[in-house]
Amino acid sequence: MIKIGELVKDFELINHLGEKNNLYSFLDKKLVVFFYPKANTTGCSTQACNLNDNYKILLNNGFNIIGVSADEIINQKKFVDKFSFYFPLIADSKKELIKYFGVWGPKKFMGKEYEGIIRTTFILNKNKKIEKIINKVKTKNHAQQIIDLYR
């Protein structure tokens, strides 16, 4: 997993609308990059909705937000449309960004082991470096968790 203080290389990103951006284009503020396992699942919906409900507060506190999963563009779009998210969701179906950040790995669910996205949030500063990492994401209070890191 990428570490605090490391410089993050730029990536071409494809959002839920199929539009191309690059990672650095979001760095006019600190950037919250939250990795979640799968669009429209309970925990991921709870987490993304909490960030969306607190979007203006996060924006006013100097944060931009993007969400990333390995879902295809169509699934990301359905997720955004269902909940009217203010921030883009990135479709990283090739898992390039996911693997670069080191959030793809072994997981367990109901006694079964499998490979998947480890729910993790990174905060990048304007200098393109990792400033904070949240490994134990509280899906119901994630926005407050982020804000609390800077108090």
C-alpha atoms as a PDB file:
ATOM      1  CA  MET A   1       0.000   0.000   0.000  1.00  0.00           C
ATOM      2  CA  ILE A   2       1.176   3.495  -0.803  1.00  0.00           C
ATOM      3  CA  LYS A   3       2.356   5.365   2.315  1.00  0.00           C
ATOM      4  CA  ILE A   4       1.975   8.798   3.873  1.00  0.00           C
ATOM      5  CA  GLY A   5       4.404  11.261   2.323  1.00  0.00           C
ATOM      6  CA  GLU A   6       4.690   9.428  -0.998  1.00  0.00           C
ATOM      7  CA  LEU A   7       4.266  11.337  -4.229  1.00  0.00           C
ATOM      8  CA  VAL A   8       1.327  10.000  -6.221  1.00  0.00           C
ATOM      9  CA  LYS A   9       1.777   9.736  -9.977  1.00  0.00           C
ATOM     10  CA  ASP A  10      -0.878  11.104 -12.273  1.00  0.00           C
ATOM     11  CA  PHE A  11      -3.482   8.759 -13.735  1.00  0.00           C
ATOM     12  CA  GLU A  12      -6.017   9.079 -16.498  1.00  0.00           C
ATOM     13  CA  LEU A  13      -9.397   8.469 -14.909  1.00  0.00           C
ATOM     14  CA  ILE A  14     -12.706   7.509 -16.505  1.00  0.00           C
ATOM     15  CA  ASN A  15     -15.709   8.763 -14.563  1.00  0.00           C
ATOM     16  CA  HIS A  16     -19.279   7.470 -14.386  1.00  0.00           C
ATOM     17  CA  LEU A  17     -20.168   9.440 -17.534  1.00  0.00           C
ATOM     18  CA  GLY A  18     -17.297   7.946 -19.529  1.00  0.00           C
ATOM     19  CA  GLU A  19     -15.415  11.259 -19.438  1.00  0.00           C
ATOM     20  CA  LYS A  20     -11.649  11.314 -19.101  1.00  0.00           C
ATOM     21  CA  ASN A  21      -9.920  13.364 -16.412  1.00  0.00           C
ATOM     22  CA  ASN A  22      -6.600  13.025 -14.752  1.00  0.00           C
ATOM     23  CA  LEU A  23      -6.004  12.636 -11.061  1.00  0.00           C
ATOM     24  CA  TYR A  24      -4.051  15.879 -10.785  1.00  0.00           C
ATOM     25  CA  SER A  25      -7.010  17.870 -12.147  1.00  0.00           C
ATOM     26  CA  PHE A  26      -8.717  17.440  -8.759  1.00  0.00           C
ATOM     27  CA  LEU A  27      -5.799  18.835  -6.758  1.00  0.00           C
ATOM     28  CA  ASP A  28      -6.885  22.467  -6.569  1.00  0.00           C
ATOM     29  CA  LYS A  29      -7.872  21.387  -3.019  1.00  0.00           C
ATOM     30  CA  LYS A  30      -6.946  18.419  -0.867  1.00  0.00           C
ATOM     31  CA  LEU A  31      -8.302  15.321  -2.568  1.00  0.00           C
ATOM     32  CA  VAL A  32     -10.225  12.575  -0.802  1.00  0.00           C
ATOM     33  CA  VAL A  33      -9.887   9.360  -2.817  1.00  0.00           C
ATOM     34  CA  PHE A  34     -12.141   6.714  -1.324  1.00  0.00           C
ATOM     35  CA  PHE A  35     -11.883   3.154  -2.573  1.00  0.00           C
ATOM     36  CA  TYR A  36     -14.982   1.027  -2.114  1.00  0.00           C
ATOM     37  CA  PRO A  37     -15.665  -2.607  -3.025  1.00  0.00           C
ATOM     38  CA  LYS A  38     -18.802  -2.448  -5.191  1.00  0.00           C
ATOM     39  CA  ALA A  39     -21.371   0.096  -6.363  1.00  0.00           C
ATOM     40  CA  ASN A  40     -24.890  -0.161  -4.953  1.00  0.00           C
ATOM     41  CA  THR A  41     -24.043  -2.493  -2.090  1.00  0.00           C
ATOM     42  CA  THR A  42     -25.141  -1.676   1.445  1.00  0.00           C
ATOM     43  CA  GLY A  43     -21.828  -0.579   2.975  1.00  0.00           C
ATOM     44  CA  CYS A  44     -20.691   1.271  -0.129  1.00  0.00           C
ATOM     45  CA  SER A  45     -24.017   3.081  -0.440  1.00  0.00           C
ATOM     46  CA  THR A  46     -23.891   4.073   3.225  1.00  0.00           C
ATOM     47  CA  GLN A  47     -20.347   5.408   2.864  1.00  0.00           C
ATOM     48  CA  ALA A  48     -20.940   7.302  -0.393  1.00  0.00           C
ATOM     49  CA  CYS A  49     -24.252   8.754   0.841  1.00  0.00           C
ATOM     50  CA  ASN A  50     -22.589   9.979   4.036  1.00  0.00           C
ATOM     51  CA  LEU A  51     -19.944  11.771   1.961  1.00  0.00           C
ATOM     52  CA  ASN A  52     -22.638  13.154  -0.339  1.00  0.00           C
ATOM     53  CA  ASP A  53     -24.796  14.378   2.555  1.00  0.00           C
ATOM     54  CA  ASN A  54     -21.744  16.230   3.894  1.00  0.00           C
ATOM     55  CA  TYR A  55     -20.346  17.262   0.516  1.00  0.00           C
ATOM     56  CA  LYS A  56     -20.714  21.015   1.033  1.00  0.00           C
ATOM     57  CA  ILE A  57     -19.105  20.816   4.464  1.00  0.00           C
ATOM     58  CA  LEU A  58     -16.162  18.871   3.021  1.00  0.00           C
ATOM     59  CA  LEU A  59     -15.872  21.261   0.085  1.00  0.00           C
ATOM     60  CA  ASN A  60     -15.931  24.263   2.440  1.00  0.00           C
ATOM     61  CA  ASN A  61     -13.190  22.593   4.491  1.00  0.00           C
ATOM     62  CA  GLY A  62     -10.953  22.408   1.405  1.00  0.00           C
ATOM     63  CA  PHE A  63     -11.620  18.894   0.076  1.00  0.00           C
ATOM     64  CA  ASN A  64     -12.509  17.523  -3.348  1.00  0.00           C
ATOM     65  CA  ILE A  65     -13.851  13.966  -3.454  1.00  0.00           C
ATOM     66  CA  ILE A  66     -13.678  11.082  -5.897  1.00  0.00           C
ATOM     67  CA  GLY A  67     -14.791   7.505  -5.339  1.00  0.00           C
ATOM     68  CA  VAL A  68     -13.080   4.558  -6.999  1.00  0.00           C
ATOM     69  CA  SER A  69     -14.119   0.947  -7.517  1.00  0.00           C
ATOM     70  CA  ALA A  70     -13.525  -1.735 -10.131  1.00  0.00           C
ATOM     71  CA  ASP A  71     -17.090  -1.393 -11.413  1.00  0.00           C
ATOM     72  CA  GLU A  72     -17.776  -0.707 -15.075  1.00  0.00           C
ATOM     73  CA  ILE A  73     -18.900   2.770 -16.182  1.00  0.00           C
ATOM     74  CA  ILE A  74     -22.552   1.714 -16.483  1.00  0.00           C
ATOM     75  CA  ASN A  75     -22.643   0.479 -12.868  1.00  0.00           C
ATOM     76  CA  GLN A  76     -20.989   3.659 -11.600  1.00  0.00           C
ATOM     77  CA  LYS A  77     -23.519   5.749 -13.539  1.00  0.00           C
ATOM     78  CA  LYS A  78     -26.455   3.810 -12.069  1.00  0.00           C
ATOM     79  CA  PHE A  79     -24.982   4.330  -8.592  1.00  0.00           C
ATOM     80  CA  VAL A  80     -24.620   8.095  -9.152  1.00  0.00           C
ATOM     81  CA  ASP A  81     -28.080   8.371 -10.703  1.00  0.00           C
ATOM     82  CA  LYS A  82     -29.724   6.452  -7.869  1.00  0.00           C
ATOM     83  CA  PHE A  83     -28.267   8.672  -5.128  1.00  0.00           C
ATOM     84  CA  SER A  84     -27.542  11.934  -7.029  1.00  0.00           C
ATOM     85  CA  PHE A  85     -23.931  12.131  -5.902  1.00  0.00           C
ATOM     86  CA  TYR A  86     -22.239  15.511  -6.265  1.00  0.00           C
ATOM     87  CA  PHE A  87     -18.810  13.947  -6.807  1.00  0.00           C
ATOM     88  CA  PRO A  88     -17.553  11.696  -9.600  1.00  0.00           C
ATOM     89  CA  LEU A  89     -17.141   7.959  -9.315  1.00  0.00           C
ATOM     90  CA  ILE A  90     -14.211   6.456 -11.149  1.00  0.00           C
ATOM     91  CA  ALA A  91     -14.590   3.222 -13.112  1.00  0.00           C
ATOM     92  CA  ASP A  92     -11.248   1.442 -12.635  1.00  0.00           C
ATOM     93  CA  SER A  93     -12.269  -1.872 -14.185  1.00  0.00           C
ATOM     94  CA  LYS A  94      -8.628  -2.608 -15.121  1.00  0.00           C
ATOM     95  CA  LYS A  95      -7.686  -2.019 -11.456  1.00  0.00           C
ATOM     96  CA  GLU A  96      -4.709   0.184 -12.354  1.00  0.00           C
ATOM     97  CA  LEU A  97      -5.346   2.878  -9.726  1.00  0.00           C
ATOM     98  CA  ILE A  98      -6.610   0.283  -7.255  1.00  0.00           C
ATOM     99  CA  LYS A  99      -3.423  -1.769  -7.483  1.00  0.00           C
ATOM    100  CA  TYR A 100      -1.176   1.314  -7.539  1.00  0.00           C
ATOM    101  CA  PHE A 101      -2.643   2.462  -4.215  1.00  0.00           C
ATOM    102  CA  GLY A 102      -2.356  -1.108  -2.913  1.00  0.00           C
ATOM    103  CA  VAL A 103      -5.990  -1.634  -1.976  1.00  0.00           C
ATOM    104  CA  TRP A 104      -6.504  -4.897  -3.871  1.00  0.00           C
ATOM    105  CA  GLY A 105      -5.954  -7.905  -1.671  1.00  0.00           C
ATOM    106  CA  PRO A 106      -7.311 -10.837   0.323  1.00  0.00           C
ATOM    107  CA  LYS A 107     -10.636 -10.404   2.098  1.00  0.00           C
ATOM    108  CA  LYS A 108     -13.006 -12.589   4.063  1.00  0.00           C
ATOM    109  CA  PHE A 109     -16.785 -12.619   4.047  1.00  0.00           C
ATOM    110  CA  MET A 110     -18.945 -15.225   5.750  1.00  0.00           C
ATOM    111  CA  GLY A 111     -15.933 -17.515   6.150  1.00  0.00           C
ATOM    112  CA  LYS A 112     -14.928 -17.353   2.492  1.00  0.00           C
ATOM    113  CA  GLU A 113     -11.667 -15.839   1.312  1.00  0.00           C
ATOM    114  CA  TYR A 114     -11.446 -13.925  -1.952  1.00  0.00           C
ATOM    115  CA  GLU A 115      -9.567 -11.061  -3.619  1.00  0.00           C
ATOM    116  CA  GLY A 116     -11.165  -7.637  -3.652  1.00  0.00           C
ATOM    117  CA  ILE A 117     -10.924  -3.954  -2.853  1.00  0.00           C
ATOM    118  CA  ILE A 118      -9.983  -3.194   0.729  1.00  0.00           C
ATOM    119  CA  ARG A 119     -12.114  -0.206   1.748  1.00  0.00           C
ATOM    120  CA  THR A 120      -9.566   2.582   2.263  1.00  0.00           C
ATOM    121  CA  THR A 121      -9.494   6.369   1.962  1.00  0.00           C
ATOM    122  CA  PHE A 122      -6.470   8.458   1.016  1.00  0.00           C
ATOM    123  CA  ILE A 123      -6.135  12.213   1.278  1.00  0.00           C
ATOM    124  CA  LEU A 124      -3.712  13.876  -1.126  1.00  0.00           C
ATOM    125  CA  ASN A 125      -2.398  17.384  -0.657  1.00  0.00           C
ATOM    126  CA  LYS A 126      -1.893  19.963  -3.414  1.00  0.00           C
ATOM    127  CA  ASN A 127       1.738  18.824  -3.684  1.00  0.00           C
ATOM    128  CA  LYS A 128       0.498  15.424  -4.970  1.00  0.00           C
ATOM    129  CA  LYS A 129       1.555  13.586  -1.824  1.00  0.00           C
ATOM    130  CA  ILE A 130      -0.379  11.267   0.455  1.00  0.00           C
ATOM    131  CA  GLU A 131      -1.189  13.273   3.567  1.00  0.00           C
ATOM    132  CA  LYS A 132      -3.539  10.923   5.450  1.00  0.00           C
ATOM    133  CA  ILE A 133      -4.800   7.346   5.138  1.00  0.00           C
ATOM    134  CA  ILE A 134      -7.941   5.920   6.718  1.00  0.00           C
ATOM    135  CA  ASN A 135      -7.747   2.130   6.925  1.00  0.00           C
ATOM    136  CA  LYS A 136     -10.698   1.632   9.259  1.00  0.00           C
ATOM    137  CA  VAL A 137     -13.442   3.477   7.440  1.00  0.00           C
ATOM    138  CA  LYS A 138     -16.616   4.202   9.382  1.00  0.00           C
ATOM    139  CA  THR A 139     -19.167   4.031   6.576  1.00  0.00           C
ATOM    140  CA  LYS A 140     -21.931   5.804   8.537  1.00  0.00           C
ATOM    141  CA  ASN A 141     -19.689   8.687   9.675  1.00  0.00           C
ATOM    142  CA  HIS A 142     -16.952   8.840   7.080  1.00  0.00           C
ATOM    143  CA  ALA A 143     -17.197  12.594   6.434  1.00  0.00           C
ATOM    144  CA  GLN A 144     -16.730  13.347  10.128  1.00  0.00           C
ATOM    145  CA  GLN A 145     -13.841  10.898  10.233  1.00  0.00           C
ATOM    146  CA  ILE A 146     -12.125  12.915   7.493  1.00  0.00           C
ATOM    147  CA  ILE A 147     -12.809  16.285   9.105  1.00  0.00           C
ATOM    148  CA  ASP A 148     -11.581  15.029  12.489  1.00  0.00           C
ATOM    149  CA  LEU A 149      -8.167  14.248  10.977  1.00  0.00           C
ATOM    150  CA  TYR A 150      -7.621  17.982  10.504  1.00  0.00           C
ATOM    151  CA  ARG A 151      -8.770  19.265  13.894  1.00  0.00           C
END
